[in-house]
PDB file of N, CA and C in Angstrom:
ATOM      1  N   MET A   1     -17.223  10.581 -23.927  1.00  0.00           N
ATOM      2  CA  MET A   1     -17.853  11.166 -22.757  1.00  0.00           C
ATOM      3  C   MET A   1     -18.922  10.206 -22.241  1.00  0.00           C
ATOM      4  N   LYS A   2     -18.917   9.962 -20.941  1.00  0.00           N
ATOM      5  CA  LYS A   2     -19.885   9.072 -20.315  1.00  0.00           C
ATOM      6  C   LYS A   2     -20.888   9.899 -19.520  1.00  0.00           C
ATOM      7  N   THR A   3     -22.096   9.383 -19.456  1.00  0.00           N
ATOM      8  CA  THR A   3     -23.131  10.011 -18.648  1.00  0.00           C
ATOM      9  C   THR A   3     -23.475   9.075 -17.505  1.00  0.00           C
ATOM     10  N   PHE A   4     -23.459   9.585 -16.291  1.00  0.00           N
ATOM     11  CA  PHE A   4     -23.798   8.804 -15.115  1.00  0.00           C
ATOM     12  C   PHE A   4     -25.119   9.302 -14.537  1.00  0.00           C
ATOM     13  N   ASP A   5     -25.870   8.392 -13.954  1.00  0.00           N
ATOM     14  CA  ASP A   5     -27.164   8.713 -13.366  1.00  0.00           C
ATOM     15  C   ASP A   5     -27.066   8.540 -11.857  1.00  0.00           C
ATOM     16  N   PHE A   6     -27.215   9.623 -11.114  1.00  0.00           N
ATOM     17  CA  PHE A   6     -27.057   9.597  -9.669  1.00  0.00           C
ATOM     18  C   PHE A   6     -28.368   9.830  -8.950  1.00  0.00           C
ATOM     19  N   THR A   7     -28.394   9.415  -7.708  1.00  0.00           N
ATOM     20  CA  THR A   7     -29.495   9.735  -6.808  1.00  0.00           C
ATOM     21  C   THR A   7     -29.098  10.991  -6.043  1.00  0.00           C
ATOM     22  N   MET A   8     -30.048  11.897  -5.871  1.00  0.00           N
ATOM     23  CA  MET A   8     -29.782  13.110  -5.108  1.00  0.00           C
ATOM     24  C   MET A   8     -30.841  13.236  -4.020  1.00  0.00           C
ATOM     25  N   VAL A   9     -30.400  13.523  -2.816  1.00  0.00           N
ATOM     26  CA  VAL A   9     -31.294  13.763  -1.693  1.00  0.00           C
ATOM     27  C   VAL A   9     -31.053  15.192  -1.230  1.00  0.00           C
ATOM     28  N   ILE A  10     -32.137  15.929  -1.045  1.00  0.00           N
ATOM     29  CA  ILE A  10     -32.025  17.312  -0.584  1.00  0.00           C
ATOM     30  C   ILE A  10     -32.935  17.488   0.630  1.00  0.00           C
ATOM     31  N   TRP A  11     -32.417  18.153   1.644  1.00  0.00           N
ATOM     32  CA  TRP A  11     -33.266  18.456   2.787  1.00  0.00           C
ATOM     33  C   TRP A  11     -32.979  19.859   3.278  1.00  0.00           C
ATOM     34  N   LYS A  12     -33.992  20.437   3.926  1.00  0.00           N
ATOM     35  CA  LYS A  12     -33.916  21.801   4.448  1.00  0.00           C
ATOM     36  C   LYS A  12     -33.291  21.769   5.835  1.00  0.00           C
ATOM     37  N   GLU A  13     -32.365  22.664   6.055  1.00  0.00           N
ATOM     38  CA  GLU A  13     -31.803  22.888   7.382  1.00  0.00           C
ATOM     39  C   GLU A  13     -32.014  24.354   7.723  1.00  0.00           C
ATOM     40  N   LYS A  14     -31.654  24.731   8.916  1.00  0.00           N
ATOM     41  CA  LYS A  14     -31.896  26.091   9.405  1.00  0.00           C
ATOM     42  C   LYS A  14     -31.323  27.157   8.474  1.00  0.00           C
ATOM     43  N   GLU A  15     -30.123  26.943   7.971  1.00  0.00           N
ATOM     44  CA  GLU A  15     -29.432  27.961   7.177  1.00  0.00           C
ATOM     45  C   GLU A  15     -29.501  27.743   5.663  1.00  0.00           C
ATOM     46  N   GLY A  16     -30.267  26.763   5.179  1.00  0.00           N
ATOM     47  CA  GLY A  16     -30.344  26.531   3.742  1.00  0.00           C
ATOM     48  C   GLY A  16     -30.676  25.090   3.445  1.00  0.00           C
ATOM     49  N   TYR A  17     -30.199  24.611   2.305  1.00  0.00           N
ATOM     50  CA  TYR A  17     -30.493  23.256   1.847  1.00  0.00           C
ATOM     51  C   TYR A  17     -29.203  22.448   1.722  1.00  0.00           C
ATOM     52  N   VAL A  18     -29.277  21.198   2.133  1.00  0.00           N
ATOM     53  CA  VAL A  18     -28.166  20.264   2.000  1.00  0.00           C
ATOM     54  C   VAL A  18     -28.526  19.295   0.883  1.00  0.00           C
ATOM     55  N   SER A  19     -27.577  19.016   0.012  1.00  0.00           N
ATOM     56  CA  SER A  19     -27.778  18.050  -1.065  1.00  0.00           C
ATOM     57  C   SER A  19     -26.711  16.968  -0.949  1.00  0.00           C
ATOM     58  N   LYS A  20     -27.124  15.721  -1.187  1.00  0.00           N
ATOM     59  CA  LYS A  20     -26.190  14.608  -1.038  1.00  0.00           C
ATOM     60  C   LYS A  20     -26.419  13.569  -2.117  1.00  0.00           C
ATOM     61  N   CYS A  21     -25.313  12.985  -2.569  1.00  0.00           N
ATOM     62  CA  CYS A  21     -25.329  11.881  -3.521  1.00  0.00           C
ATOM     63  C   CYS A  21     -24.949  10.618  -2.742  1.00  0.00           C
ATOM     64  N   PRO A  22     -25.914   9.740  -2.441  1.00  0.00           N
ATOM     65  CA  PRO A  22     -25.615   8.551  -1.645  1.00  0.00           C
ATOM     66  C   PRO A  22     -24.615   7.590  -2.295  1.00  0.00           C
ATOM     67  N   GLU A  23     -24.618   7.482  -3.608  1.00  0.00           N
ATOM     68  CA  GLU A  23     -23.706   6.552  -4.276  1.00  0.00           C
ATOM     69  C   GLU A  23     -22.241   6.890  -4.023  1.00  0.00           C
ATOM     70  N   LEU A  24     -21.951   8.171  -3.926  1.00  0.00           N
ATOM     71  CA  LEU A  24     -20.563   8.603  -3.767  1.00  0.00           C
ATOM     72  C   LEU A  24     -20.246   9.112  -2.362  1.00  0.00           C
ATOM     73  N   GLY A  25     -21.272   9.393  -1.578  1.00  0.00           N
ATOM     74  CA  GLY A  25     -21.041   9.994  -0.273  1.00  0.00           C
ATOM     75  C   GLY A  25     -20.615  11.446  -0.381  1.00  0.00           C
ATOM     76  N   VAL A  26     -20.956  12.077  -1.507  1.00  0.00           N
ATOM     77  CA  VAL A  26     -20.592  13.475  -1.761  1.00  0.00           C
ATOM     78  C   VAL A  26     -21.767  14.360  -1.364  1.00  0.00           C
ATOM     79  N   ALA A  27     -21.479  15.455  -0.684  1.00  0.00           N
ATOM     80  CA  ALA A  27     -22.529  16.373  -0.255  1.00  0.00           C
ATOM     81  C   ALA A  27     -22.137  17.811  -0.563  1.00  0.00           C
ATOM     82  N   SER A  28     -23.160  18.651  -0.633  1.00  0.00           N
ATOM     83  CA  SER A  28     -22.942  20.078  -0.828  1.00  0.00           C
ATOM     84  C   SER A  28     -24.123  20.802  -0.189  1.00  0.00           C
ATOM     85  N   CYS A  29     -24.243  22.092  -0.480  1.00  0.00           N
ATOM     86  CA  CYS A  29     -25.344  22.856   0.099  1.00  0.00           C
ATOM     87  C   CYS A  29     -25.588  24.108  -0.737  1.00  0.00           C
ATOM     88  N   GLY A  30     -26.637  24.830  -0.382  1.00  0.00           N
ATOM     89  CA  GLY A  30     -26.947  26.080  -1.051  1.00  0.00           C
ATOM     90  C   GLY A  30     -28.083  26.793  -0.344  1.00  0.00           C
ATOM     91  N   ASP A  31     -28.280  28.034  -0.691  1.00  0.00           N
ATOM     92  CA  ASP A  31     -29.356  28.825  -0.086  1.00  0.00           C
ATOM     93  C   ASP A  31     -30.723  28.442  -0.636  1.00  0.00           C
ATOM     94  N   THR A  32     -30.747  27.859  -1.851  1.00  0.00           N
ATOM     95  CA  THR A  32     -31.989  27.416  -2.481  1.00  0.00           C
ATOM     96  C   THR A  32     -31.812  25.973  -2.951  1.00  0.00           C
ATOM     97  N   ILE A  33     -32.914  25.333  -3.294  1.00  0.00           N
ATOM     98  CA  ILE A  33     -32.834  23.968  -3.829  1.00  0.00           C
ATOM     99  C   ILE A  33     -32.032  23.971  -5.123  1.00  0.00           C
ATOM    100  N   SER A  34     -32.257  24.958  -5.957  1.00  0.00           N
ATOM    101  CA  SER A  34     -31.534  25.060  -7.219  1.00  0.00           C
ATOM    102  C   SER A  34     -30.031  25.203  -7.003  1.00  0.00           C
ATOM    103  N   GLU A  35     -29.645  26.044  -6.058  1.00  0.00           N
ATOM    104  CA  GLU A  35     -28.227  26.250  -5.764  1.00  0.00           C
ATOM    105  C   GLU A  35     -27.607  24.991  -5.163  1.00  0.00           C
ATOM    106  N   ALA A  36     -28.335  24.325  -4.274  1.00  0.00           N
ATOM    107  CA  ALA A  36     -27.835  23.084  -3.674  1.00  0.00           C
ATOM    108  C   ALA A  36     -27.653  22.010  -4.740  1.00  0.00           C
ATOM    109  N   THR A  37     -28.559  21.963  -5.700  1.00  0.00           N
ATOM    110  CA  THR A  37     -28.461  21.009  -6.809  1.00  0.00           C
ATOM    111  C   THR A  37     -27.249  21.310  -7.673  1.00  0.00           C
ATOM    112  N   SER A  38     -27.091  22.560  -8.059  1.00  0.00           N
ATOM    113  CA  SER A  38     -25.966  22.979  -8.891  1.00  0.00           C
ATOM    114  C   SER A  38     -24.630  22.723  -8.198  1.00  0.00           C
ATOM    115  N   ASN A  39     -24.565  23.024  -6.915  1.00  0.00           N
ATOM    116  CA  ASN A  39     -23.325  22.814  -6.166  1.00  0.00           C
ATOM    117  C   ASN A  39     -22.998  21.330  -6.022  1.00  0.00           C
ATOM    118  N   LEU A  40     -24.028  20.496  -5.857  1.00  0.00           N
ATOM    119  CA  LEU A  40     -23.784  19.055  -5.773  1.00  0.00           C
ATOM    120  C   LEU A  40     -23.298  18.521  -7.116  1.00  0.00           C
ATOM    121  N   LYS A  41     -23.884  18.997  -8.197  1.00  0.00           N
ATOM    122  CA  LYS A  41     -23.439  18.566  -9.524  1.00  0.00           C
ATOM    123  C   LYS A  41     -21.960  18.889  -9.723  1.00  0.00           C
ATOM    124  N   GLU A  42     -21.555  20.074  -9.333  1.00  0.00           N
ATOM    125  CA  GLU A  42     -20.146  20.464  -9.452  1.00  0.00           C
ATOM    126  C   GLU A  42     -19.255  19.568  -8.578  1.00  0.00           C
ATOM    127  N   ALA A  43     -19.706  19.279  -7.360  1.00  0.00           N
ATOM    128  CA  ALA A  43     -18.931  18.426  -6.457  1.00  0.00           C
ATOM    129  C   ALA A  43     -18.786  17.016  -7.023  1.00  0.00           C
ATOM    130  N   ILE A  44     -19.847  16.501  -7.635  1.00  0.00           N
ATOM    131  CA  ILE A  44     -19.797  15.169  -8.248  1.00  0.00           C
ATOM    132  C   ILE A  44     -18.839  15.169  -9.433  1.00  0.00           C
ATOM    133  N   GLU A  45     -18.906  16.191 -10.256  1.00  0.00           N
ATOM    134  CA  GLU A  45     -17.993  16.287 -11.403  1.00  0.00           C
ATOM    135  C   GLU A  45     -16.539  16.297 -10.940  1.00  0.00           C
ATOM    136  N   LEU A  46     -16.250  17.026  -9.885  1.00  0.00           N
ATOM    137  CA  LEU A  46     -14.885  17.056  -9.339  1.00  0.00           C
ATOM    138  C   LEU A  46     -14.492  15.693  -8.771  1.00  0.00           C
ATOM    139  N   TYR A  47     -15.423  15.022  -8.125  1.00  0.00           N
ATOM    140  CA  TYR A  47     -15.162  13.681  -7.582  1.00  0.00           C
ATOM    141  C   TYR A  47     -14.805  12.715  -8.712  1.00  0.00           C
ATOM    142  N   ILE A  48     -15.602  12.728  -9.784  1.00  0.00           N
ATOM    143  CA  ILE A  48     -15.351  11.834 -10.924  1.00  0.00           C
ATOM    144  C   ILE A  48     -14.017  12.156 -11.582  1.00  0.00           C
ATOM    145  N   GLU A  49     -13.729  13.433 -11.755  1.00  0.00           N
ATOM    146  CA  GLU A  49     -12.451  13.850 -12.344  1.00  0.00           C
ATOM    147  C   GLU A  49     -11.286  13.335 -11.504  1.00  0.00           C
ATOM    148  N   ASN A  50     -11.405  13.463 -10.192  1.00  0.00           N
ATOM    149  CA  ASN A  50     -10.359  12.985  -9.291  1.00  0.00           C
ATOM    150  C   ASN A  50     -10.246  11.459  -9.330  1.00  0.00           C
ATOM    151  N   ALA A  51     -11.378  10.761  -9.368  1.00  0.00           N
ATOM    152  CA  ALA A  51     -11.367   9.300  -9.443  1.00  0.00           C
ATOM    153  C   ALA A  51     -10.674   8.832 -10.724  1.00  0.00           C
ATOM    154  N   GLU A  52     -10.915   9.543 -11.810  1.00  0.00           N
ATOM    155  CA  GLU A  52     -10.256   9.201 -13.078  1.00  0.00           C
ATOM    156  C   GLU A  52      -8.748   9.440 -12.974  1.00  0.00           C
ATOM    157  N   THR A  53      -8.352  10.556 -12.389  1.00  0.00           N
ATOM    158  CA  THR A  53      -6.934  10.882 -12.213  1.00  0.00           C
ATOM    159  C   THR A  53      -6.233   9.823 -11.359  1.00  0.00           C
ATOM    160  N   LEU A  54      -6.923   9.342 -10.325  1.00  0.00           N
ATOM    161  CA  LEU A  54      -6.351   8.337  -9.427  1.00  0.00           C
ATOM    162  C   LEU A  54      -6.434   6.914  -9.983  1.00  0.00           C
ATOM    163  N   GLY A  55      -7.128   6.765 -11.107  1.00  0.00           N
ATOM    164  CA  GLY A  55      -7.257   5.447 -11.729  1.00  0.00           C
ATOM    165  C   GLY A  55      -8.242   4.529 -11.033  1.00  0.00           C
ATOM    166  N   ILE A  56      -9.209   5.103 -10.302  1.00  0.00           N
ATOM    167  CA  ILE A  56     -10.187   4.268  -9.601  1.00  0.00           C
ATOM    168  C   ILE A  56     -11.598   4.388 -10.169  1.00  0.00           C
ATOM    169  N   LEU A  57     -11.756   5.106 -11.265  1.00  0.00           N
ATOM    170  CA  LEU A  57     -13.084   5.289 -11.849  1.00  0.00           C
ATOM    171  C   LEU A  57     -13.699   3.947 -12.233  1.00  0.00           C
ATOM    172  N   GLU A  58     -12.914   3.047 -12.790  1.00  0.00           N
ATOM    173  CA  GLU A  58     -13.422   1.721 -13.164  1.00  0.00           C
ATOM    174  C   GLU A  58     -13.948   0.965 -11.943  1.00  0.00           C
ATOM    175  N   ASP A  59     -13.318   1.159 -10.796  1.00  0.00           N
ATOM    176  CA  ASP A  59     -13.730   0.460  -9.581  1.00  0.00           C
ATOM    177  C   ASP A  59     -15.127   0.859  -9.113  1.00  0.00           C
ATOM    178  N   ILE A  60     -15.531   2.089  -9.385  1.00  0.00           N
ATOM    179  CA  ILE A  60     -16.831   2.568  -8.913  1.00  0.00           C
ATOM    180  C   ILE A  60     -17.859   2.701 -10.034  1.00  0.00           C
ATOM    181  N   GLU A  61     -17.453   2.422 -11.267  1.00  0.00           N
ATOM    182  CA  GLU A  61     -18.320   2.669 -12.420  1.00  0.00           C
ATOM    183  C   GLU A  61     -19.626   1.883 -12.389  1.00  0.00           C
ATOM    184  N   GLU A  62     -19.611   0.650 -11.895  1.00  0.00           N
ATOM    185  CA  GLU A  62     -20.835  -0.141 -11.871  1.00  0.00           C
ATOM    186  C   GLU A  62     -21.924   0.539 -11.041  1.00  0.00           C
ATOM    187  N   SER A  63     -21.552   1.074  -9.891  1.00  0.00           N
ATOM    188  CA  SER A  63     -22.541   1.762  -9.052  1.00  0.00           C
ATOM    189  C   SER A  63     -23.004   3.073  -9.688  1.00  0.00           C
ATOM    190  N   LEU A  64     -22.198   3.629 -10.569  1.00  0.00           N
ATOM    191  CA  LEU A  64     -22.551   4.893 -11.216  1.00  0.00           C
ATOM    192  C   LEU A  64     -23.434   4.705 -12.437  1.00  0.00           C
ATOM    193  N   THR A  65     -23.419   3.519 -13.030  1.00  0.00           N
ATOM    194  CA  THR A  65     -24.175   3.288 -14.259  1.00  0.00           C
ATOM    195  C   THR A  65     -25.416   2.435 -14.049  1.00  0.00           C
ATOM    196  N   SER A  66     -25.599   1.869 -12.874  1.00  0.00           N
ATOM    197  CA  SER A  66     -26.756   1.026 -12.596  1.00  0.00           C
ATOM    198  C   SER A  66     -28.041   1.844 -12.689  1.00  0.00           C
ATOM    199  N   LYS A  67     -29.028   1.306 -13.395  1.00  0.00           N
ATOM    200  CA  LYS A  67     -30.331   1.970 -13.504  1.00  0.00           C
ATOM    201  C   LYS A  67     -31.290   1.463 -12.425  1.00  0.00           C
ATOM    202  N   GLU A  68     -30.900   0.429 -11.693  1.00  0.00           N
ATOM    203  CA  GLU A  68     -31.740  -0.114 -10.632  1.00  0.00           C
ATOM    204  C   GLU A  68     -31.353   0.520  -9.307  1.00  0.00           C
ATOM    205  N   LYS A  69     -32.014   1.627  -9.009  1.00  0.00           N
ATOM    206  CA  LYS A  69     -31.772   2.353  -7.769  1.00  0.00           C
ATOM    207  C   LYS A  69     -33.116   2.555  -7.084  1.00  0.00           C
ATOM    208  N   PHE A  70     -33.133   2.312  -5.799  1.00  0.00           N
ATOM    209  CA  PHE A  70     -34.373   2.398  -5.060  1.00  0.00           C
ATOM    210  C   PHE A  70     -34.170   3.313  -3.860  1.00  0.00           C
ATOM    211  N   THR A  71     -35.107   4.191  -3.643  1.00  0.00           N
ATOM    212  CA  THR A  71     -35.053   5.047  -2.475  1.00  0.00           C
ATOM    213  C   THR A  71     -36.347   4.872  -1.694  1.00  0.00           C
ATOM    214  N   SER A  72     -36.260   5.045  -0.404  1.00  0.00           N
ATOM    215  CA  SER A  72     -37.418   4.881   0.456  1.00  0.00           C
ATOM    216  C   SER A  72     -37.185   5.642   1.740  1.00  0.00           C
ATOM    217  N   HIS A  73     -38.226   5.777   2.486  1.00  0.00           N
ATOM    218  CA  HIS A  73     -38.145   6.406   3.812  1.00  0.00           C
ATOM    219  C   HIS A  73     -38.139   5.301   4.844  1.00  0.00           C
ATOM    220  N   LEU A  74     -37.279   5.405   5.832  1.00  0.00           N
ATOM    221  CA  LEU A  74     -37.177   4.408   6.892  1.00  0.00           C
ATOM    222  C   LEU A  74     -37.242   5.130   8.225  1.00  0.00           C
ATOM    223  N   GLU A  75     -38.211   4.768   9.034  1.00  0.00           N
ATOM    224  CA  GLU A  75     -38.351   5.391  10.347  1.00  0.00           C
ATOM    225  C   GLU A  75     -37.772   4.468  11.414  1.00  0.00           C
ATOM    226  N   VAL A  76     -36.959   4.997  12.297  1.00  0.00           N
ATOM    227  CA  VAL A  76     -36.338   4.240  13.372  1.00  0.00           C
ATOM    228  C   VAL A  76     -36.649   4.934  14.689  1.00  0.00           C
ATOM    229  N   THR A  77     -37.119   4.177  15.656  1.00  0.00           N
ATOM    230  CA  THR A  77     -37.410   4.711  16.978  1.00  0.00           C
ATOM    231  C   THR A  77     -36.393   4.153  17.965  1.00  0.00           C
ATOM    232  N   TYR A  78     -35.894   5.009  18.821  1.00  0.00           N
ATOM    233  CA  TYR A  78     -34.954   4.545  19.837  1.00  0.00           C
ATOM    234  C   TYR A  78     -35.350   5.134  21.187  1.00  0.00           C
ATOM    235  N   ALA A  79     -34.921   4.490  22.214  1.00  0.00           N
ATOM    236  CA  ALA A  79     -35.291   4.908  23.575  1.00  0.00           C
ATOM    237  C   ALA A  79     -34.358   5.963  24.094  1.00  0.00           C
TER     238      ALA A  79
END
């Protein structure tokens, strides 16, 4: 069994919370932060299971096991 370390971003929207894993492009949602977190974890587990079934888990494993991950806020202004 392997353990992967992911980045999770959660933000509030009108109808609840959206959760996203940038490494995989997987997103989910929930009525609470806890529910959004739990739902994203389930979505990631299904993604990994599918990647293993398709034989592509090795192709993405480096991005899933890297401990050097950086997050920041970036503001962009447009006209």
